[in-house]
Protein backbone atom coordinates (compact mmCIF):
# COMPACT_ATOMS: atom_id res chain seq x y z
CA GLU A 1 -0.06 -0.08 -0.14
CA THR A 2 3.09 2.25 0.51
CA ARG A 3 3.78 1.75 -2.95
CA SER A 4 0.19 2.47 -4.16
CA ASP A 5 -0.02 5.99 -1.70
CA ALA A 6 3.27 7.15 -3.20
CA GLY A 7 2.00 6.65 -6.57
CA THR A 8 -1.19 8.21 -5.93
CA ALA A 9 0.89 10.99 -4.16
CA LYS A 10 3.02 11.31 -6.99
CA LYS A 11 -0.18 11.54 -9.47
CA MET A 12 -1.84 14.02 -7.33
CA GLU A 13 1.41 16.21 -7.55
CA VAL A 14 1.20 15.99 -11.25
CA VAL A 15 -2.37 17.06 -11.50
CA LEU A 16 -1.84 19.89 -8.98
CA GLY A 17 1.19 20.71 -10.98
CA GLU A 18 -0.82 20.81 -13.99
CA ALA A 19 -3.92 22.71 -12.48
CA SER A 20 -1.62 25.37 -10.80
CA SER A 21 -0.04 25.99 -14.14
CA ARG A 22 -3.31 26.04 -15.95
CA ILE A 23 -4.49 28.83 -13.30
CA GLU A 24 -1.67 30.92 -13.84
CA ASP A 25 -2.59 30.80 -17.88
CA LEU A 26 -6.01 31.70 -16.85
CA GLN A 27 -5.05 34.52 -14.51
CA ALA A 28 -2.70 36.03 -17.51
CA GLU A 29 -5.53 35.56 -20.00
CA LEU A 30 -7.79 37.42 -17.50
CA GLU A 31 -5.46 40.25 -17.10
CA ALA A 32 -5.00 40.77 -20.83
CA GLN A 33 -8.93 40.67 -21.29
CA ARG A 34 -9.05 43.34 -18.66
CA VAL A 35 -6.38 45.64 -20.65
CA ARG A 36 -8.50 44.86 -23.79
CA CYS A 37 -11.95 46.03 -21.95
CA GLN A 38 -9.93 49.12 -20.65
CA HIS A 39 -9.13 50.10 -23.85
CA LEU A 40 -11.86 49.23 -25.76
CA GLN A 41 -13.74 51.45 -23.19
CA GLN A 42 -11.37 54.13 -23.98
CA GLN A 43 -12.05 53.87 -27.70
CA TRP A 44 -15.72 54.00 -27.01
CA ALA A 45 -15.52 57.34 -25.04
CA GLU A 46 -13.57 59.04 -27.83
CA LEU A 47 -16.03 57.48 -30.23
CA SER A 48 -19.01 58.86 -28.43
CA GLY A 49 -17.30 62.17 -27.97
CA LYS A 50 -16.87 62.45 -31.39
CA SER A 51 -20.39 61.65 -31.99
CA ASP A 52 -21.83 64.24 -29.87
CA ASP A 53 -19.37 66.95 -31.46
CA ALA A 54 -21.11 65.60 -34.90
CA LEU A 55 -24.36 65.76 -33.66
CA VAL A 56 -23.69 69.57 -32.35
CA SER A 57 -22.30 70.17 -35.81
CA ALA A 58 -24.99 68.97 -37.80
CA GLU A 59 -27.49 70.78 -35.44
CA GLN A 60 -25.43 73.92 -36.51
CA VAL A 61 -25.44 73.56 -40.09
CA ARG A 62 -29.18 72.96 -39.80
CA ARG A 63 -29.96 76.24 -38.39
CA ILE A 64 -27.69 77.87 -40.59
CA PHE A 65 -29.34 76.23 -43.55
CA PHE A 66 -32.60 77.62 -42.18
CA ILE A 67 -31.64 80.91 -41.72
CA VAL A 68 -29.83 81.26 -45.12
CA LEU A 69 -33.27 80.03 -46.63
CA ALA A 70 -34.95 82.53 -44.82
CA PHE A 71 -32.48 85.37 -46.36
CA ILE A 72 -33.37 83.90 -49.85
CA TRP A 73 -36.81 83.69 -48.94
CA LEU A 74 -36.76 87.56 -47.90
CA PHE A 75 -35.04 88.38 -50.96
CA ALA A 76 -37.26 86.85 -52.88
CA LEU A 77 -40.16 88.76 -51.32
CA ARG A 78 -38.17 91.99 -51.75
CA SER A 79 -37.40 91.41 -55.24
CA MET A 80 -41.19 91.27 -55.85
CA LEU A 81 -41.84 94.41 -53.78
CA PRO A 82 -41.13 97.33 -56.01
CA SER A 83 -44.00 96.15 -58.57
CA ALA A 84 -46.56 95.93 -55.79
CA ALA A 85 -45.34 98.64 -53.85
CA ALA A 86 -45.30 101.06 -56.75
CA PRO A 87 -48.41 102.10 -56.41
CA LEU A 88 -47.55 102.90 -52.61
CA THR A 89 -44.73 104.93 -53.72
CA ALA A 90 -46.68 106.83 -56.03
CA ALA A 91 -49.44 107.67 -53.34
CA THR A 92 -46.34 108.63 -50.96
CA SER A 93 -45.09 111.06 -53.77
CA ALA A 94 -48.66 112.61 -54.15
CA SER A 95 -49.45 112.86 -50.30
CA SER A 96 -45.75 114.39 -49.90
CA ALA A 97 -46.34 116.89 -52.77
CA SER A 98 -49.92 117.85 -51.62
CA SER A 99 -48.45 118.57 -47.84
CA ALA A 100 -45.43 120.46 -49.74
CA ALA A 101 -48.58 122.25 -51.66
CA SER A 102 -50.64 123.07 -48.63
CA ALA A 103 -47.31 124.24 -46.46
CA SER A 104 -46.44 126.83 -49.81
CA SER A 105 -50.03 128.00 -49.82
CA ASP A 106 -50.23 128.49 -46.09
CA SER A 107 -46.95 130.41 -45.97
CA LEU A 108 -47.88 132.61 -48.71
CA ALA A 109 -51.25 132.86 -46.72
CA SER A 110 -49.50 134.33 -43.80
CA SER A 111 -47.10 136.27 -45.81
CA SER A 112 -50.17 138.28 -47.77
CA SER A 113 -51.80 138.68 -44.13
CA SER A 114 -48.46 140.26 -42.67
CA ALA A 115 -48.27 142.25 -45.46
CA SER A 116 -51.70 143.93 -44.98
């Protein structure tokens, strides 16, 4: 039995050595995966930041586009305005001329009443 116990002990030492070696390999692999995970987390943070920046830039471009579109629309309306505003301009000119004539006649009336 002593021989059998010694053989069993020897087998147990071999199994224990293999298990210890396997544990060391697994620990090294685990550490490598942790480092890889940290690297991926850093890349994710960078990509997320760039994505946020791209979304902000896209929103700014959209706002600028609509501002430019509004200016174009206003310019188009303004270019149509002179033909539509011509009667208004003529009426304003006539009103100004009428006011000037009225002021002239008032000043003539005042001059003639002071002369008398």
